[in-house]
Amino acid sequence: MRTDIEEYSVSEGWVRVQAGKSLDRKGQPLTIKLTGPVEAWYEDLGENPPVVRKG
């Protein structure tokens, strides 16, 4: 089970993860695309989960 997913597609069966500590020219992390079965899940955050507020 991976917890460092940058981007994913369950229907297409791939995930994009950071490739070590490497950065590109703009300072963004380099990523690699891994293929295989993808299963999305939600972590139980308990009774009072943190709330993201926009504004």
PDB file of N, CA and C in Angstrom:
ATOM      1  N   MET A   1       0.843  -1.172   0.000  1.00  0.00           N
ATOM      2  CA  MET A   1       0.000   0.000   0.000  1.00  0.00           C
ATOM      3  C   MET A   1       0.893   1.242   0.000  1.00  0.00           C
ATOM      4  N   ARG A   2       0.617   2.147  -0.904  1.00  0.00           N
ATOM      5  CA  ARG A   2       1.399   3.386  -0.999  1.00  0.00           C
ATOM      6  C   ARG A   2       0.578   4.538  -0.453  1.00  0.00           C
ATOM      7  N   THR A   3       1.253   5.461   0.180  1.00  0.00           N
ATOM      8  CA  THR A   3       0.575   6.655   0.691  1.00  0.00           C
ATOM      9  C   THR A   3       1.177   7.926   0.110  1.00  0.00           C
ATOM     10  N   ASP A   4       2.066   7.791  -0.860  1.00  0.00           N
ATOM     11  CA  ASP A   4       2.747   8.951  -1.440  1.00  0.00           C
ATOM     12  C   ASP A   4       2.323   9.210  -2.888  1.00  0.00           C
ATOM     13  N   ILE A   5       1.050   8.998  -3.178  1.00  0.00           N
ATOM     14  CA  ILE A   5       0.529   9.135  -4.532  1.00  0.00           C
ATOM     15  C   ILE A   5       0.328  10.612  -4.874  1.00  0.00           C
ATOM     16  N   GLU A   6       0.854  11.046  -6.002  1.00  0.00           N
ATOM     17  CA  GLU A   6       0.663  12.418  -6.473  1.00  0.00           C
ATOM     18  C   GLU A   6      -0.628  12.521  -7.296  1.00  0.00           C
ATOM     19  N   GLU A   7      -0.882  11.506  -8.128  1.00  0.00           N
ATOM     20  CA  GLU A   7      -2.021  11.500  -9.040  1.00  0.00           C
ATOM     21  C   GLU A   7      -2.354  10.043  -9.329  1.00  0.00           C
ATOM     22  N   TYR A   8      -3.629   9.747  -9.631  1.00  0.00           N
ATOM     23  CA  TYR A   8      -3.980   8.362  -9.932  1.00  0.00           C
ATOM     24  C   TYR A   8      -5.201   8.287 -10.830  1.00  0.00           C
ATOM     25  N   SER A   9      -5.380   7.111 -11.465  1.00  0.00           N
ATOM     26  CA  SER A   9      -6.569   6.812 -12.254  1.00  0.00           C
ATOM     27  C   SER A   9      -6.936   5.353 -11.985  1.00  0.00           C
ATOM     28  N   VAL A  10      -8.053   5.153 -11.290  1.00  0.00           N
ATOM     29  CA  VAL A  10      -8.499   3.798 -10.979  1.00  0.00           C
ATOM     30  C   VAL A  10      -8.935   3.091 -12.257  1.00  0.00           C
ATOM     31  N   SER A  11      -9.674   3.797 -13.121  1.00  0.00           N
ATOM     32  CA  SER A  11     -10.199   3.173 -14.333  1.00  0.00           C
ATOM     33  C   SER A  11      -9.101   2.778 -15.320  1.00  0.00           C
ATOM     34  N   GLU A  12      -8.027   3.566 -15.398  1.00  0.00           N
ATOM     35  CA  GLU A  12      -6.940   3.255 -16.328  1.00  0.00           C
ATOM     36  C   GLU A  12      -5.846   2.412 -15.683  1.00  0.00           C
ATOM     37  N   GLY A  13      -5.857   2.270 -14.358  1.00  0.00           N
ATOM     38  CA  GLY A  13      -4.904   1.399 -13.669  1.00  0.00           C
ATOM     39  C   GLY A  13      -3.492   1.935 -13.564  1.00  0.00           C
ATOM     40  N   TRP A  14      -3.325   3.219 -13.181  1.00  0.00           N
ATOM     41  CA  TRP A  14      -1.987   3.765 -13.005  1.00  0.00           C
ATOM     42  C   TRP A  14      -1.968   4.756 -11.853  1.00  0.00           C
ATOM     43  N   VAL A  15      -0.779   4.951 -11.297  1.00  0.00           N
ATOM     44  CA  VAL A  15      -0.543   5.967 -10.274  1.00  0.00           C
ATOM     45  C   VAL A  15       0.731   6.715 -10.630  1.00  0.00           C
ATOM     46  N   ARG A  16       0.839   7.959 -10.204  1.00  0.00           N
ATOM     47  CA  ARG A  16       2.046   8.757 -10.424  1.00  0.00           C
ATOM     48  C   ARG A  16       2.614   9.075  -9.050  1.00  0.00           C
ATOM     49  N   VAL A  17       3.886   8.682  -8.834  1.00  0.00           N
ATOM     50  CA  VAL A  17       4.545   8.884  -7.544  1.00  0.00           C
ATOM     51  C   VAL A  17       5.849   9.647  -7.747  1.00  0.00           C
ATOM     52  N   GLN A  18       6.318  10.287  -6.686  1.00  0.00           N
ATOM     53  CA  GLN A  18       7.559  11.038  -6.745  1.00  0.00           C
ATOM     54  C   GLN A  18       8.734  10.079  -6.890  1.00  0.00           C
ATOM     55  N   ALA A  19       9.690  10.437  -7.744  1.00  0.00           N
ATOM     56  CA  ALA A  19      10.871   9.610  -8.003  1.00  0.00           C
ATOM     57  C   ALA A  19      11.999  10.058  -7.073  1.00  0.00           C
ATOM     58  N   GLY A  20      11.979   9.561  -5.856  1.00  0.00           N
ATOM     59  CA  GLY A  20      13.007   9.927  -4.883  1.00  0.00           C
ATOM     60  C   GLY A  20      12.919  11.388  -4.503  1.00  0.00           C
ATOM     61  N   LYS A  21      14.063  12.023  -4.320  1.00  0.00           N
ATOM     62  CA  LYS A  21      14.094  13.438  -3.945  1.00  0.00           C
ATOM     63  C   LYS A  21      14.470  14.332  -5.125  1.00  0.00           C
ATOM     64  N   SER A  22      14.431  13.780  -6.328  1.00  0.00           N
ATOM     65  CA  SER A  22      14.810  14.516  -7.532  1.00  0.00           C
ATOM     66  C   SER A  22      13.805  15.611  -7.854  1.00  0.00           C
ATOM     67  N   LEU A  23      14.329  16.736  -8.334  1.00  0.00           N
ATOM     68  CA  LEU A  23      13.490  17.858  -8.735  1.00  0.00           C
ATOM     69  C   LEU A  23      13.788  18.225 -10.181  1.00  0.00           C
ATOM     70  N   ASP A  24      12.778  18.780 -10.867  1.00  0.00           N
ATOM     71  CA  ASP A  24      13.014  19.233 -12.230  1.00  0.00           C
ATOM     72  C   ASP A  24      13.578  20.654 -12.212  1.00  0.00           C
ATOM     73  N   ARG A  25      13.720  21.268 -13.370  1.00  0.00           N
ATOM     74  CA  ARG A  25      14.314  22.606 -13.465  1.00  0.00           C
ATOM     75  C   ARG A  25      13.509  23.680 -12.757  1.00  0.00           C
ATOM     76  N   LYS A  26      12.218  23.443 -12.618  1.00  0.00           N
ATOM     77  CA  LYS A  26      11.345  24.423 -11.975  1.00  0.00           C
ATOM     78  C   LYS A  26      11.194  24.168 -10.478  1.00  0.00           C
ATOM     79  N   GLY A  27      11.881  23.149  -9.960  1.00  0.00           N
ATOM     80  CA  GLY A  27      11.807  22.840  -8.539  1.00  0.00           C
ATOM     81  C   GLY A  27      10.671  21.916  -8.147  1.00  0.00           C
ATOM     82  N   GLN A  28       9.957  21.399  -9.138  1.00  0.00           N
ATOM     83  CA  GLN A  28       8.864  20.461  -8.870  1.00  0.00           C
ATOM     84  C   GLN A  28       9.422  19.043  -8.795  1.00  0.00           C
ATOM     85  N   PRO A  29       8.798  18.161  -7.994  1.00  0.00           N
ATOM     86  CA  PRO A  29       9.304  16.790  -7.898  1.00  0.00           C
ATOM     87  C   PRO A  29       9.153  16.029  -9.217  1.00  0.00           C
ATOM     88  N   LEU A  30      10.167  15.250  -9.564  1.00  0.00           N
ATOM     89  CA  LEU A  30      10.073  14.372 -10.728  1.00  0.00           C
ATOM     90  C   LEU A  30       9.173  13.208 -10.343  1.00  0.00           C
ATOM     91  N   THR A  31       8.311  12.800 -11.245  1.00  0.00           N
ATOM     92  CA  THR A  31       7.387  11.708 -10.953  1.00  0.00           C
ATOM     93  C   THR A  31       7.544  10.598 -11.975  1.00  0.00           C
ATOM     94  N   ILE A  32       7.156   9.393 -11.571  1.00  0.00           N
ATOM     95  CA  ILE A  32       7.120   8.255 -12.483  1.00  0.00           C
ATOM     96  C   ILE A  32       5.721   7.667 -12.449  1.00  0.00           C
ATOM     97  N   LYS A  33       5.325   7.064 -13.543  1.00  0.00           N
ATOM     98  CA  LYS A  33       3.996   6.473 -13.674  1.00  0.00           C
ATOM     99  C   LYS A  33       4.126   4.959 -13.499  1.00  0.00           C
ATOM    100  N   LEU A  34       3.409   4.415 -12.521  1.00  0.00           N
ATOM    101  CA  LEU A  34       3.399   2.979 -12.273  1.00  0.00           C
ATOM    102  C   LEU A  34       2.047   2.431 -12.697  1.00  0.00           C
ATOM    103  N   THR A  35       2.035   1.272 -13.347  1.00  0.00           N
ATOM    104  CA  THR A  35       0.772   0.675 -13.788  1.00  0.00           C
ATOM    105  C   THR A  35       0.493  -0.595 -13.014  1.00  0.00           C
ATOM    106  N   GLY A  36      -0.775  -0.914 -12.901  1.00  0.00           N
ATOM    107  CA  GLY A  36      -1.213  -2.112 -12.189  1.00  0.00           C
ATOM    108  C   GLY A  36      -2.571  -1.847 -11.570  1.00  0.00           C
ATOM    109  N   PRO A  37      -3.078  -2.801 -10.782  1.00  0.00           N
ATOM    110  CA  PRO A  37      -4.386  -2.592 -10.152  1.00  0.00           C
ATOM    111  C   PRO A  37      -4.325  -1.451  -9.138  1.00  0.00           C
ATOM    112  N   VAL A  38      -5.320  -0.555  -9.198  1.00  0.00           N
ATOM    113  CA  VAL A  38      -5.379   0.606  -8.299  1.00  0.00           C
ATOM    114  C   VAL A  38      -6.644   0.509  -7.470  1.00  0.00           C
ATOM    115  N   GLU A  39      -6.505   0.653  -6.164  1.00  0.00           N
ATOM    116  CA  GLU A  39      -7.646   0.621  -5.253  1.00  0.00           C
ATOM    117  C   GLU A  39      -7.608   1.891  -4.400  1.00  0.00           C
ATOM    118  N   ALA A  40      -8.669   2.685  -4.483  1.00  0.00           N
ATOM    119  CA  ALA A  40      -8.747   3.914  -3.686  1.00  0.00           C
ATOM    120  C   ALA A  40      -9.394   3.599  -2.348  1.00  0.00           C
ATOM    121  N   TRP A  41      -8.928   4.258  -1.287  1.00  0.00           N
ATOM    122  CA  TRP A  41      -9.512   4.062   0.046  1.00  0.00           C
ATOM    123  C   TRP A  41      -9.430   5.368   0.808  1.00  0.00           C
ATOM    124  N   TYR A  42     -10.288   5.494   1.810  1.00  0.00           N
ATOM    125  CA  TYR A  42     -10.328   6.685   2.647  1.00  0.00           C
ATOM    126  C   TYR A  42      -9.940   6.304   4.060  1.00  0.00           C
ATOM    127  N   GLU A  43      -9.079   7.085   4.663  1.00  0.00           N
ATOM    128  CA  GLU A  43      -8.642   6.843   6.025  1.00  0.00           C
ATOM    129  C   GLU A  43      -9.707   7.357   6.985  1.00  0.00           C
ATOM    130  N   ASP A  44     -10.004   6.583   8.028  1.00  0.00           N
ATOM    131  CA  ASP A  44     -10.969   7.003   9.044  1.00  0.00           C
ATOM    132  C   ASP A  44     -10.315   8.077   9.910  1.00  0.00           C
ATOM    133  N   LEU A  45     -10.867   9.286   9.880  1.00  0.00           N
ATOM    134  CA  LEU A  45     -10.290  10.395  10.620  1.00  0.00           C
ATOM    135  C   LEU A  45     -10.957  10.618  11.974  1.00  0.00           C
ATOM    136  N   GLY A  46     -11.850   9.712  12.375  1.00  0.00           N
ATOM    137  CA  GLY A  46     -12.447   9.791  13.700  1.00  0.00           C
ATOM    138  C   GLY A  46     -13.706  10.647  13.742  1.00  0.00           C
ATOM    139  N   GLU A  47     -14.117  10.978  14.958  1.00  0.00           N
ATOM    140  CA  GLU A  47     -15.360  11.710  15.209  1.00  0.00           C
ATOM    141  C   GLU A  47     -15.310  13.154  14.716  1.00  0.00           C
ATOM    142  N   ASN A  48     -14.197  13.857  14.937  1.00  0.00           N
ATOM    143  CA  ASN A  48     -14.080  15.271  14.574  1.00  0.00           C
ATOM    144  C   ASN A  48     -12.949  15.476  13.564  1.00  0.00           C
ATOM    145  N   PRO A  49     -13.196  15.140  12.287  1.00  0.00           N
ATOM    146  CA  PRO A  49     -12.142  15.278  11.282  1.00  0.00           C
ATOM    147  C   PRO A  49     -11.807  16.755  11.036  1.00  0.00           C
ATOM    148  N   PRO A  50     -10.571  17.046  10.637  1.00  0.00           N
ATOM    149  CA  PRO A  50     -10.227  18.423  10.304  1.00  0.00           C
ATOM    150  C   PRO A  50     -11.001  18.878   9.070  1.00  0.00           C
ATOM    151  N   VAL A  51     -11.366  20.139   9.022  1.00  0.00           N
ATOM    152  CA  VAL A  51     -12.151  20.673   7.922  1.00  0.00           C
ATOM    153  C   VAL A  51     -11.317  21.700   7.161  1.00  0.00           C
ATOM    154  N   VAL A  52     -11.279  21.552   5.846  1.00  0.00           N
ATOM    155  CA  VAL A  52     -10.585  22.514   5.007  1.00  0.00           C
ATOM    156  C   VAL A  52     -11.565  23.615   4.670  1.00  0.00           C
ATOM    157  N   ARG A  53     -11.193  24.828   4.999  1.00  0.00           N
ATOM    158  CA  ARG A  53     -12.093  25.958   4.738  1.00  0.00           C
ATOM    159  C   ARG A  53     -11.521  26.813   3.621  1.00  0.00           C
ATOM    160  N   LYS A  54     -12.362  27.109   2.667  1.00  0.00           N
ATOM    161  CA  LYS A  54     -11.952  27.953   1.543  1.00  0.00           C
ATOM    162  C   LYS A  54     -12.401  29.373   1.832  1.00  0.00           C
ATOM    163  N   GLY A  55     -11.556  30.305   1.531  1.00  0.00           N
ATOM    164  CA  GLY A  55     -12.028  31.657   1.719  1.00  0.00           C
ATOM    165  C   GLY A  55     -10.974  32.584   1.936  1.00  0.00           C
TER     166      GLY A  55
END
